[in-house]
Amino acid sequence: VATIRTGDTTEYADSVKGRFTVSRDVKNTVSLQMNKLKPE
């Protein structure tokens, strides 16, 4: 779906680009904000 590397380089599946956002904090908690969700 989405990945984030040390240094904050991100990668997204084409199907979620523009709708999902991945983020990461200094404690290595990773979050996925999912907007405009679809049944698929």
PDB file of all heavy atoms in Angstrom:
ATOM      1  N   VAL A   1       0.846  -1.193   0.000  1.00  0.00           N
ATOM      2  CA  VAL A   1       0.000   0.000   0.000  1.00  0.00           C
ATOM      3  C   VAL A   1       0.883   1.245   0.000  1.00  0.00           C
ATOM      4  O   VAL A   1       0.790   2.089  -0.889  1.00  0.00           O
ATOM      5  CB  VAL A   1      -0.936   0.015   1.220  1.00  0.00           C
ATOM      6  CG1 VAL A   1      -1.748   1.311   1.251  1.00  0.00           C
ATOM      7  CG2 VAL A   1      -1.852  -1.201   1.215  1.00  0.00           C
ATOM      8  N   ALA A   2       1.758   1.333   0.998  1.00  0.00           N
ATOM      9  CA  ALA A   2       2.633   2.503   1.101  1.00  0.00           C
ATOM     10  C   ALA A   2       3.801   2.175   2.017  1.00  0.00           C
ATOM     11  O   ALA A   2       3.631   1.433   2.980  1.00  0.00           O
ATOM     12  CB  ALA A   2       1.874   3.711   1.652  1.00  0.00           C
ATOM     13  N   THR A   3       4.973   2.726   1.703  1.00  0.00           N
ATOM     14  CA  THR A   3       6.129   2.557   2.561  1.00  0.00           C
ATOM     15  C   THR A   3       6.825   3.899   2.759  1.00  0.00           C
ATOM     16  O   THR A   3       6.687   4.823   1.938  1.00  0.00           O
ATOM     17  CB  THR A   3       7.146   1.560   1.976  1.00  0.00           C
ATOM     18  OG1 THR A   3       7.621   2.054   0.719  1.00  0.00           O
ATOM     19  CG2 THR A   3       6.537   0.187   1.793  1.00  0.00           C
ATOM     20  N   ILE A   4       7.591   3.985   3.825  1.00  0.00           N
ATOM     21  CA  ILE A   4       8.369   5.179   4.116  1.00  0.00           C
ATOM     22  C   ILE A   4       9.700   4.741   4.697  1.00  0.00           C
ATOM     23  O   ILE A   4       9.760   3.951   5.633  1.00  0.00           O
ATOM     24  CB  ILE A   4       7.606   6.130   5.060  1.00  0.00           C
ATOM     25  CG1 ILE A   4       8.402   7.405   5.302  1.00  0.00           C
ATOM     26  CG2 ILE A   4       7.195   5.441   6.349  1.00  0.00           C
ATOM     27  CD1 ILE A   4       7.572   8.518   5.942  1.00  0.00           C
ATOM     28  N   ARG A   5      10.764   5.255   4.098  1.00  0.00           N
ATOM     29  CA  ARG A   5      12.105   4.884   4.518  1.00  0.00           C
ATOM     30  C   ARG A   5      12.648   5.902   5.508  1.00  0.00           C
ATOM     31  O   ARG A   5      12.140   7.026   5.632  1.00  0.00           O
ATOM     32  CB  ARG A   5      13.038   4.814   3.316  1.00  0.00           C
ATOM     33  CG  ARG A   5      12.651   3.771   2.298  1.00  0.00           C
ATOM     34  CD  ARG A   5      13.793   3.512   1.338  1.00  0.00           C
ATOM     35  NE  ARG A   5      14.956   2.945   2.021  1.00  0.00           N
ATOM     36  CZ  ARG A   5      16.078   2.622   1.412  1.00  0.00           C
ATOM     37  NH1 ARG A   5      16.202   2.809   0.107  1.00  0.00           N
ATOM     38  NH2 ARG A   5      17.089   2.118   2.083  1.00  0.00           N
ATOM     39  N   THR A   6      13.697   5.540   6.190  1.00  0.00           N
ATOM     40  CA  THR A   6      14.450   6.495   6.986  1.00  0.00           C
ATOM     41  C   THR A   6      14.876   7.623   6.052  1.00  0.00           C
ATOM     42  O   THR A   6      15.442   7.363   4.990  1.00  0.00           O
ATOM     43  CB  THR A   6      15.689   5.829   7.600  1.00  0.00           C
ATOM     44  OG1 THR A   6      15.278   4.718   8.387  1.00  0.00           O
ATOM     45  CG2 THR A   6      16.453   6.814   8.453  1.00  0.00           C
ATOM     46  N   GLY A   7      14.579   8.848   6.425  1.00  0.00           N
ATOM     47  CA  GLY A   7      14.811   9.967   5.521  1.00  0.00           C
ATOM     48  C   GLY A   7      13.534  10.406   4.831  1.00  0.00           C
ATOM     49  O   GLY A   7      13.527  11.374   4.067  1.00  0.00           O
ATOM     50  N   ASP A   8      12.436   9.639   5.083  1.00  0.00           N
ATOM     51  CA  ASP A   8      11.086  10.018   4.647  1.00  0.00           C
ATOM     52  C   ASP A   8      10.816   9.875   3.156  1.00  0.00           C
ATOM     53  O   ASP A   8       9.908  10.507   2.627  1.00  0.00           O
ATOM     54  CB  ASP A   8      10.732  11.437   5.106  1.00  0.00           C
ATOM     55  CG  ASP A   8      10.612  11.536   6.624  1.00  0.00           C
ATOM     56  OD1 ASP A   8      10.419  10.483   7.264  1.00  0.00           O
ATOM     57  OD2 ASP A   8      10.730  12.642   7.157  1.00  0.00           O
ATOM     58  N   THR A   9      11.579   9.049   2.466  1.00  0.00           N
ATOM     59  CA  THR A   9      11.228   8.722   1.085  1.00  0.00           C
ATOM     60  C   THR A   9      10.026   7.791   1.103  1.00  0.00           C
ATOM     61  O   THR A   9      10.029   6.779   1.791  1.00  0.00           O
ATOM     62  CB  THR A   9      12.403   8.027   0.375  1.00  0.00           C
ATOM     63  OG1 THR A   9      13.529   8.892   0.398  1.00  0.00           O
ATOM     64  CG2 THR A   9      12.023   7.680  -1.056  1.00  0.00           C
ATOM     65  N   THR A  10       9.003   8.125   0.340  1.00  0.00           N
ATOM     66  CA  THR A  10       7.774   7.340   0.356  1.00  0.00           C
ATOM     67  C   THR A  10       7.522   6.662  -0.989  1.00  0.00           C
ATOM     68  O   THR A  10       8.015   7.082  -2.033  1.00  0.00           O
ATOM     69  CB  THR A  10       6.558   8.215   0.698  1.00  0.00           C
ATOM     70  OG1 THR A  10       6.468   9.284  -0.260  1.00  0.00           O
ATOM     71  CG2 THR A  10       6.666   8.791   2.085  1.00  0.00           C
ATOM     72  N   GLU A  11       6.723   5.595  -0.918  1.00  0.00           N
ATOM     73  CA  GLU A  11       6.293   4.874  -2.115  1.00  0.00           C
ATOM     74  C   GLU A  11       4.836   4.489  -1.909  1.00  0.00           C
ATOM     75  O   GLU A  11       4.452   4.070  -0.813  1.00  0.00           O
ATOM     76  CB  GLU A  11       7.140   3.619  -2.327  1.00  0.00           C
ATOM     77  CG  GLU A  11       6.739   2.788  -3.530  1.00  0.00           C
ATOM     78  CD  GLU A  11       7.577   1.518  -3.661  1.00  0.00           C
ATOM     79  OE1 GLU A  11       8.461   1.295  -2.814  1.00  0.00           O
ATOM     80  OE2 GLU A  11       7.324   0.744  -4.608  1.00  0.00           O
ATOM     81  N   TYR A  12       4.036   4.618  -2.959  1.00  0.00           N
ATOM     82  CA  TYR A  12       2.610   4.302  -2.871  1.00  0.00           C
ATOM     83  C   TYR A  12       2.196   3.404  -4.024  1.00  0.00           C
ATOM     84  O   TYR A  12       2.703   3.515  -5.139  1.00  0.00           O
ATOM     85  CB  TYR A  12       1.759   5.579  -2.941  1.00  0.00           C
ATOM     86  CG  TYR A  12       1.905   6.500  -1.763  1.00  0.00           C
ATOM     87  CD1 TYR A  12       2.830   7.544  -1.787  1.00  0.00           C
ATOM     88  CD2 TYR A  12       1.107   6.350  -0.631  1.00  0.00           C
ATOM     89  CE1 TYR A  12       2.964   8.396  -0.699  1.00  0.00           C
ATOM     90  CE2 TYR A  12       1.230   7.210   0.458  1.00  0.00           C
ATOM     91  CZ  TYR A  12       2.161   8.223   0.415  1.00  0.00           C
ATOM     92  OH  TYR A  12       2.283   9.073   1.488  1.00  0.00           O
ATOM     93  N   ALA A  13       1.229   2.543  -3.742  1.00  0.00           N
ATOM     94  CA  ALA A  13       0.575   1.813  -4.819  1.00  0.00           C
ATOM     95  C   ALA A  13      -0.211   2.811  -5.665  1.00  0.00           C
ATOM     96  O   ALA A  13      -0.752   3.788  -5.143  1.00  0.00           O
ATOM     97  CB  ALA A  13      -0.370   0.766  -4.246  1.00  0.00           C
ATOM     98  N   ASP A  14      -0.271   2.567  -6.955  1.00  0.00           N
ATOM     99  CA  ASP A  14      -0.992   3.481  -7.845  1.00  0.00           C
ATOM    100  C   ASP A  14      -2.441   3.658  -7.414  1.00  0.00           C
ATOM    101  O   ASP A  14      -3.016   4.741  -7.555  1.00  0.00           O
ATOM    102  CB  ASP A  14      -0.939   2.967  -9.287  1.00  0.00           C
ATOM    103  CG  ASP A  14       0.438   3.118  -9.906  1.00  0.00           C
ATOM    104  OD1 ASP A  14       1.261   3.897  -9.374  1.00  0.00           O
ATOM    105  OD2 ASP A  14       0.698   2.441 -10.928  1.00  0.00           O
ATOM    106  N   SER A  15      -3.029   2.608  -6.887  1.00  0.00           N
ATOM    107  CA  SER A  15      -4.442   2.640  -6.542  1.00  0.00           C
ATOM    108  C   SER A  15      -4.765   3.556  -5.358  1.00  0.00           C
ATOM    109  O   SER A  15      -5.932   3.898  -5.151  1.00  0.00           O
ATOM    110  CB  SER A  15      -4.940   1.227  -6.229  1.00  0.00           C
ATOM    111  OG  SER A  15      -4.204   0.681  -5.151  1.00  0.00           O
ATOM    112  N   VAL A  16      -3.748   3.951  -4.599  1.00  0.00           N
ATOM    113  CA  VAL A  16      -4.013   4.783  -3.420  1.00  0.00           C
ATOM    114  C   VAL A  16      -3.371   6.171  -3.518  1.00  0.00           C
ATOM    115  O   VAL A  16      -3.579   7.004  -2.629  1.00  0.00           O
ATOM    116  CB  VAL A  16      -3.543   4.090  -2.126  1.00  0.00           C
ATOM    117  CG1 VAL A  16      -4.151   2.699  -2.021  1.00  0.00           C
ATOM    118  CG2 VAL A  16      -2.022   4.032  -2.030  1.00  0.00           C
ATOM    119  N   LYS A  17      -2.603   6.413  -4.559  1.00  0.00           N
ATOM    120  CA  LYS A  17      -1.946   7.720  -4.702  1.00  0.00           C
ATOM    121  C   LYS A  17      -2.981   8.842  -4.715  1.00  0.00           C
ATOM    122  O   LYS A  17      -4.006   8.758  -5.376  1.00  0.00           O
ATOM    123  CB  LYS A  17      -1.125   7.751  -5.995  1.00  0.00           C
ATOM    124  CG  LYS A  17       0.169   6.982  -5.920  1.00  0.00           C
ATOM    125  CD  LYS A  17       0.944   7.066  -7.236  1.00  0.00           C
ATOM    126  CE  LYS A  17       2.241   6.279  -7.163  1.00  0.00           C
ATOM    127  NZ  LYS A  17       2.970   6.287  -8.449  1.00  0.00           N
ATOM    128  N   GLY A  18      -2.684   9.884  -3.949  1.00  0.00           N
ATOM    129  CA  GLY A  18      -3.592  11.024  -3.870  1.00  0.00           C
ATOM    130  C   GLY A  18      -4.692  10.859  -2.839  1.00  0.00           C
ATOM    131  O   GLY A  18      -5.414  11.812  -2.542  1.00  0.00           O
ATOM    132  N   ARG A  19      -4.840   9.641  -2.297  1.00  0.00           N
ATOM    133  CA  ARG A  19      -5.885   9.399  -1.287  1.00  0.00           C
ATOM    134  C   ARG A  19      -5.292   9.009   0.068  1.00  0.00           C
ATOM    135  O   ARG A  19      -5.842   9.357   1.104  1.00  0.00           O
ATOM    136  CB  ARG A  19      -6.826   8.283  -1.756  1.00  0.00           C
ATOM    137  CG  ARG A  19      -7.540   8.579  -3.065  1.00  0.00           C
ATOM    138  CD  ARG A  19      -8.604   7.529  -3.371  1.00  0.00           C
ATOM    139  NE  ARG A  19      -8.042   6.199  -3.550  1.00  0.00           N
ATOM    140  CZ  ARG A  19      -8.381   5.134  -2.817  1.00  0.00           C
ATOM    141  NH1 ARG A  19      -9.278   5.249  -1.840  1.00  0.00           N
ATOM    142  NH2 ARG A  19      -7.828   3.939  -3.049  1.00  0.00           N
ATOM    143  N   PHE A  20      -4.190   8.277   0.044  1.00  0.00           N
ATOM    144  CA  PHE A  20      -3.561   7.799   1.269  1.00  0.00           C
ATOM    145  C   PHE A  20      -2.255   8.552   1.502  1.00  0.00           C
ATOM    146  O   PHE A  20      -1.547   8.892   0.551  1.00  0.00           O
ATOM    147  CB  PHE A  20      -3.244   6.316   1.177  1.00  0.00           C
ATOM    148  CG  PHE A  20      -4.443   5.399   1.173  1.00  0.00           C
ATOM    149  CD1 PHE A  20      -5.738   5.875   1.014  1.00  0.00           C
ATOM    150  CD2 PHE A  20      -4.259   4.034   1.329  1.00  0.00           C
ATOM    151  CE1 PHE A  20      -6.829   5.026   1.004  1.00  0.00           C
ATOM    152  CE2 PHE A  20      -5.335   3.161   1.335  1.00  0.00           C
ATOM    153  CZ  PHE A  20      -6.625   3.663   1.154  1.00  0.00           C
ATOM    154  N   THR A  21      -1.932   8.749   2.777  1.00  0.00           N
ATOM    155  CA  THR A  21      -0.667   9.381   3.144  1.00  0.00           C
ATOM    156  C   THR A  21      -0.018   8.594   4.270  1.00  0.00           C
ATOM    157  O   THR A  21      -0.648   8.351   5.307  1.00  0.00           O
ATOM    158  CB  THR A  21      -0.883  10.828   3.604  1.00  0.00           C
ATOM    159  OG1 THR A  21      -1.532  11.578   2.569  1.00  0.00           O
ATOM    160  CG2 THR A  21       0.454  11.488   3.923  1.00  0.00           C
ATOM    161  N   VAL A  22       1.226   8.200   4.059  1.00  0.00           N
ATOM    162  CA  VAL A  22       1.979   7.473   5.084  1.00  0.00           C
ATOM    163  C   VAL A  22       2.925   8.448   5.770  1.00  0.00           C
ATOM    164  O   VAL A  22       3.502   9.336   5.127  1.00  0.00           O
ATOM    165  CB  VAL A  22       2.747   6.282   4.471  1.00  0.00           C
ATOM    166  CG1 VAL A  22       3.802   6.730   3.477  1.00  0.00           C
ATOM    167  CG2 VAL A  22       3.361   5.415   5.568  1.00  0.00           C
ATOM    168  N   SER A  23       3.059   8.291   7.081  1.00  0.00           N
ATOM    169  CA  SER A  23       3.962   9.149   7.850  1.00  0.00           C
ATOM    170  C   SER A  23       4.596   8.338   8.966  1.00  0.00           C
ATOM    171  O   SER A  23       4.130   7.252   9.312  1.00  0.00           O
ATOM    172  CB  SER A  23       3.207  10.359   8.414  1.00  0.00           C
ATOM    173  OG  SER A  23       2.160   9.940   9.267  1.00  0.00           O
ATOM    174  N   ARG A  24       5.646   8.915   9.523  1.00  0.00           N
ATOM    175  CA  ARG A  24       6.438   8.193  10.526  1.00  0.00           C
ATOM    176  C   ARG A  24       7.030   9.200  11.485  1.00  0.00           C
ATOM    177  O   ARG A  24       7.473  10.275  11.076  1.00  0.00           O
ATOM    178  CB  ARG A  24       7.542   7.435   9.796  1.00  0.00           C
ATOM    179  CG  ARG A  24       8.507   6.635  10.607  1.00  0.00           C
ATOM    180  CD  ARG A  24       9.394   5.896   9.615  1.00  0.00           C
ATOM    181  NE  ARG A  24      10.484   5.181  10.264  1.00  0.00           N
ATOM    182  CZ  ARG A  24      11.369   4.440   9.606  1.00  0.00           C
ATOM    183  NH1 ARG A  24      11.289   4.329   8.288  1.00  0.00           N
ATOM    184  NH2 ARG A  24      12.334   3.824  10.242  1.00  0.00           N
ATOM    185  N   ASP A  25       7.047   8.855  12.789  1.00  0.00           N
ATOM    186  CA  ASP A  25       7.625   9.783  13.742  1.00  0.00           C
ATOM    187  C   ASP A  25       8.939   9.241  14.291  1.00  0.00           C
ATOM    188  O   ASP A  25       9.389   8.151  13.924  1.00  0.00           O
ATOM    189  CB  ASP A  25       6.624  10.099  14.859  1.00  0.00           C
ATOM    190  CG  ASP A  25       6.322   8.901  15.756  1.00  0.00           C
ATOM    191  OD1 ASP A  25       7.074   7.916  15.746  1.00  0.00           O
ATOM    192  OD2 ASP A  25       5.302   8.966  16.468  1.00  0.00           O
ATOM    193  N   VAL A  26       9.558   9.996  15.158  1.00  0.00           N
ATOM    194  CA  VAL A  26      10.892   9.648  15.643  1.00  0.00           C
ATOM    195  C   VAL A  26      10.886   8.402  16.518  1.00  0.00           C
ATOM    196  O   VAL A  26      11.935   7.798  16.744  1.00  0.00           O
ATOM    197  CB  VAL A  26      11.531  10.821  16.410  1.00  0.00           C
ATOM    198  CG1 VAL A  26      11.774  11.990  15.469  1.00  0.00           C
ATOM    199  CG2 VAL A  26      10.670  11.244  17.596  1.00  0.00           C
ATOM    200  N   LYS A  27       9.718   8.022  17.003  1.00  0.00           N
ATOM    201  CA  LYS A  27       9.617   6.805  17.819  1.00  0.00           C
ATOM    202  C   LYS A  27       9.277   5.597  16.955  1.00  0.00           C
ATOM    203  O   LYS A  27       8.943   4.528  17.488  1.00  0.00           O
ATOM    204  CB  LYS A  27       8.555   6.990  18.898  1.00  0.00           C
ATOM    205  CG  LYS A  27       8.898   8.065  19.911  1.00  0.00           C
ATOM    206  CD  LYS A  27       7.828   8.159  20.994  1.00  0.00           C
ATOM    207  CE  LYS A  27       8.187   9.221  22.022  1.00  0.00           C
ATOM    208  NZ  LYS A  27       7.147   9.337  23.082  1.00  0.00           N
ATOM    209  N   ASN A  28       9.356   5.780  15.624  1.00  0.00           N
ATOM    210  CA  ASN A  28       9.037   4.694  14.697  1.00  0.00           C
ATOM    211  C   ASN A  28       7.601   4.208  14.841  1.00  0.00           C
ATOM    212  O   ASN A  28       7.332   3.002  14.787  1.00  0.00           O
ATOM    213  CB  ASN A  28      10.024   3.537  14.820  1.00  0.00           C
ATOM    214  CG  ASN A  28      11.318   3.821  14.087  1.00  0.00           C
ATOM    215  OD1 ASN A  28      11.304   4.294  12.950  1.00  0.00           O
ATOM    216  ND2 ASN A  28      12.429   3.558  14.714  1.00  0.00           N
ATOM    217  N   THR A  29       6.701   5.144  15.058  1.00  0.00           N
ATOM    218  CA  THR A  29       5.283   4.875  14.880  1.00  0.00           C
ATOM    219  C   THR A  29       4.930   5.297  13.462  1.00  0.00           C
ATOM    220  O   THR A  29       5.183   6.441  13.078  1.00  0.00           O
ATOM    221  CB  THR A  29       4.431   5.653  15.890  1.00  0.00           C
ATOM    222  OG1 THR A  29       4.709   5.192  17.201  1.00  0.00           O
ATOM    223  CG2 THR A  29       2.948   5.455  15.605  1.00  0.00           C
ATOM    224  N   VAL A  30       4.381   4.365  12.703  1.00  0.00           N
ATOM    225  CA  VAL A  30       4.018   4.679  11.324  1.00  0.00           C
ATOM    226  C   VAL A  30       2.501   4.751  11.225  1.00  0.00           C
ATOM    227  O   VAL A  30       1.789   3.924  11.807  1.00  0.00           O
ATOM    228  CB  VAL A  30       4.602   3.649  10.338  1.00  0.00           C
ATOM    229  CG1 VAL A  30       4.059   2.253  10.588  1.00  0.00           C
ATOM    230  CG2 VAL A  30       4.365   4.068   8.896  1.00  0.00           C
ATOM    231  N   SER A  31       2.019   5.757  10.513  1.00  0.00           N
ATOM    232  CA  SER A  31       0.581   5.963  10.371  1.00  0.00           C
ATOM    233  C   SER A  31       0.197   5.969   8.899  1.00  0.00           C
ATOM    234  O   SER A  31       1.019   6.270   8.030  1.00  0.00           O
ATOM    235  CB  SER A  31       0.165   7.287  11.013  1.00  0.00           C
ATOM    236  OG  SER A  31       0.441   7.277  12.401  1.00  0.00           O
ATOM    237  N   LEU A  32      -1.044   5.631   8.655  1.00  0.00           N
ATOM    238  CA  LEU A  32      -1.588   5.660   7.301  1.00  0.00           C
ATOM    239  C   LEU A  32      -2.912   6.403   7.350  1.00  0.00           C
ATOM    240  O   LEU A  32      -3.894   5.896   7.902  1.00  0.00           O
ATOM    241  CB  LEU A  32      -1.788   4.247   6.758  1.00  0.00           C
ATOM    242  CG  LEU A  32      -2.231   4.159   5.306  1.00  0.00           C
ATOM    243  CD1 LEU A  32      -1.114   4.635   4.373  1.00  0.00           C
ATOM    244  CD2 LEU A  32      -2.643   2.733   4.953  1.00  0.00           C
ATOM    245  N   GLN A  33      -2.932   7.597   6.794  1.00  0.00           N
ATOM    246  CA  GLN A  33      -4.160   8.370   6.695  1.00  0.00           C
ATOM    247  C   GLN A  33      -4.843   8.001   5.391  1.00  0.00           C
ATOM    248  O   GLN A  33      -4.261   8.172   4.313  1.00  0.00           O
ATOM    249  CB  GLN A  33      -3.868   9.859   6.733  1.00  0.00           C
ATOM    250  CG  GLN A  33      -5.103  10.734   6.577  1.00  0.00           C
ATOM    251  CD  GLN A  33      -6.058  10.602   7.743  1.00  0.00           C
ATOM    252  OE1 GLN A  33      -5.639  10.549   8.897  1.00  0.00           O
ATOM    253  NE2 GLN A  33      -7.344  10.545   7.441  1.00  0.00           N
ATOM    254  N   MET A  34      -6.044   7.468   5.488  1.00  0.00           N
ATOM    255  CA  MET A  34      -6.764   6.990   4.315  1.00  0.00           C
ATOM    256  C   MET A  34      -7.998   7.860   4.110  1.00  0.00           C
ATOM    257  O   MET A  34      -8.901   7.881   4.955  1.00  0.00           O
ATOM    258  CB  MET A  34      -7.162   5.526   4.502  1.00  0.00           C
ATOM    259  CG  MET A  34      -5.989   4.618   4.806  1.00  0.00           C
ATOM    260  SD  MET A  34      -6.444   2.872   4.879  1.00  0.00           S
ATOM    261  CE  MET A  34      -7.464   2.871   6.349  1.00  0.00           C
ATOM    262  N   ASN A  35      -8.040   8.563   3.009  1.00  0.00           N
ATOM    263  CA  ASN A  35      -9.163   9.428   2.656  1.00  0.00           C
ATOM    264  C   ASN A  35      -9.839   8.921   1.395  1.00  0.00           C
ATOM    265  O   ASN A  35      -9.259   8.150   0.632  1.00  0.00           O
ATOM    266  CB  ASN A  35      -8.684  10.860   2.443  1.00  0.00           C
ATOM    267  CG  ASN A  35      -8.060  11.467   3.684  1.00  0.00           C
ATOM    268  OD1 ASN A  35      -8.464  11.173   4.813  1.00  0.00           O
ATOM    269  ND2 ASN A  35      -7.071  12.331   3.500  1.00  0.00           N
ATOM    270  N   LYS A  36     -11.042   9.377   1.187  1.00  0.00           N
ATOM    271  CA  LYS A  36     -11.806   9.011  -0.020  1.00  0.00           C
ATOM    272  C   LYS A  36     -11.811   7.494  -0.210  1.00  0.00           C
ATOM    273  O   LYS A  36     -11.531   6.993  -1.300  1.00  0.00           O
ATOM    274  CB  LYS A  36     -11.243   9.721  -1.242  1.00  0.00           C
ATOM    275  CG  LYS A  36     -11.272  11.232  -1.154  1.00  0.00           C
ATOM    276  CD  LYS A  36     -10.672  11.884  -2.391  1.00  0.00           C
ATOM    277  CE  LYS A  36     -10.683  13.398  -2.271  1.00  0.00           C
ATOM    278  NZ  LYS A  36     -10.052  14.046  -3.458  1.00  0.00           N
ATOM    279  N   LEU A  37     -12.119   6.790   0.837  1.00  0.00           N
ATOM    280  CA  LEU A  37     -12.071   5.329   0.797  1.00  0.00           C
ATOM    281  C   LEU A  37     -13.105   4.761  -0.152  1.00  0.00           C
ATOM    282  O   LEU A  37     -14.212   5.301  -0.304  1.00  0.00           O
ATOM    283  CB  LEU A  37     -12.263   4.760   2.200  1.00  0.00           C
ATOM    284  CG  LEU A  37     -11.004   4.853   3.080  1.00  0.00           C
ATOM    285  CD1 LEU A  37     -11.363   4.752   4.555  1.00  0.00           C
ATOM    286  CD2 LEU A  37     -10.025   3.750   2.692  1.00  0.00           C
ATOM    287  N   LYS A  38     -12.722   3.658  -0.783  1.00  0.00           N
ATOM    288  CA  LYS A  38     -13.553   2.972  -1.758  1.00  0.00           C
ATOM    289  C   LYS A  38     -13.818   1.542  -1.285  1.00  0.00           C
ATOM    290  O   LYS A  38     -13.019   0.985  -0.521  1.00  0.00           O
ATOM    291  CB  LYS A  38     -12.852   2.926  -3.115  1.00  0.00           C
ATOM    292  CG  LYS A  38     -12.432   4.274  -3.665  1.00  0.00           C
ATOM    293  CD  LYS A  38     -11.643   4.106  -4.961  1.00  0.00           C
ATOM    294  CE  LYS A  38     -11.193   5.444  -5.522  1.00  0.00           C
ATOM    295  NZ  LYS A  38     -10.416   5.295  -6.779  1.00  0.00           N
ATOM    296  N   PRO A  39     -14.893   0.936  -1.745  1.00  0.00           N
ATOM    297  CA  PRO A  39     -15.136  -0.459  -1.358  1.00  0.00           C
ATOM    298  C   PRO A  39     -13.953  -1.377  -1.676  1.00  0.00           C
ATOM    299  O   PRO A  39     -13.697  -2.332  -0.925  1.00  0.00           O
ATOM    300  CB  PRO A  39     -16.371  -0.830  -2.182  1.00  0.00           C
ATOM    301  CG  PRO A  39     -17.093   0.466  -2.350  1.00  0.00           C
ATOM    302  CD  PRO A  39     -16.016   1.496  -2.507  1.00  0.00           C
ATOM    303  N   GLU A  40     -13.242  -1.088  -2.744  1.00  0.00           N
ATOM    304  CA  GLU A  40     -12.105  -1.938  -3.105  1.00  0.00           C
ATOM    305  C   GLU A  40     -10.914  -1.766  -2.165  1.00  0.00           C
ATOM    306  O   GLU A  40      -9.913  -2.490  -2.295  1.00  0.00           O
ATOM    307  CB  GLU A  40     -11.670  -1.682  -4.555  1.00  0.00           C
ATOM    308  CG  GLU A  40     -11.452  -0.233  -4.926  1.00  0.00           C
ATOM    309  CD  GLU A  40     -12.666   0.390  -5.599  1.00  0.00           C
ATOM    310  OE1 GLU A  40     -13.800   0.158  -5.123  1.00  0.00           O
ATOM    311  OE2 GLU A  40     -12.469   1.127  -6.589  1.00  0.00           O
TER     312      GLU A  40
END
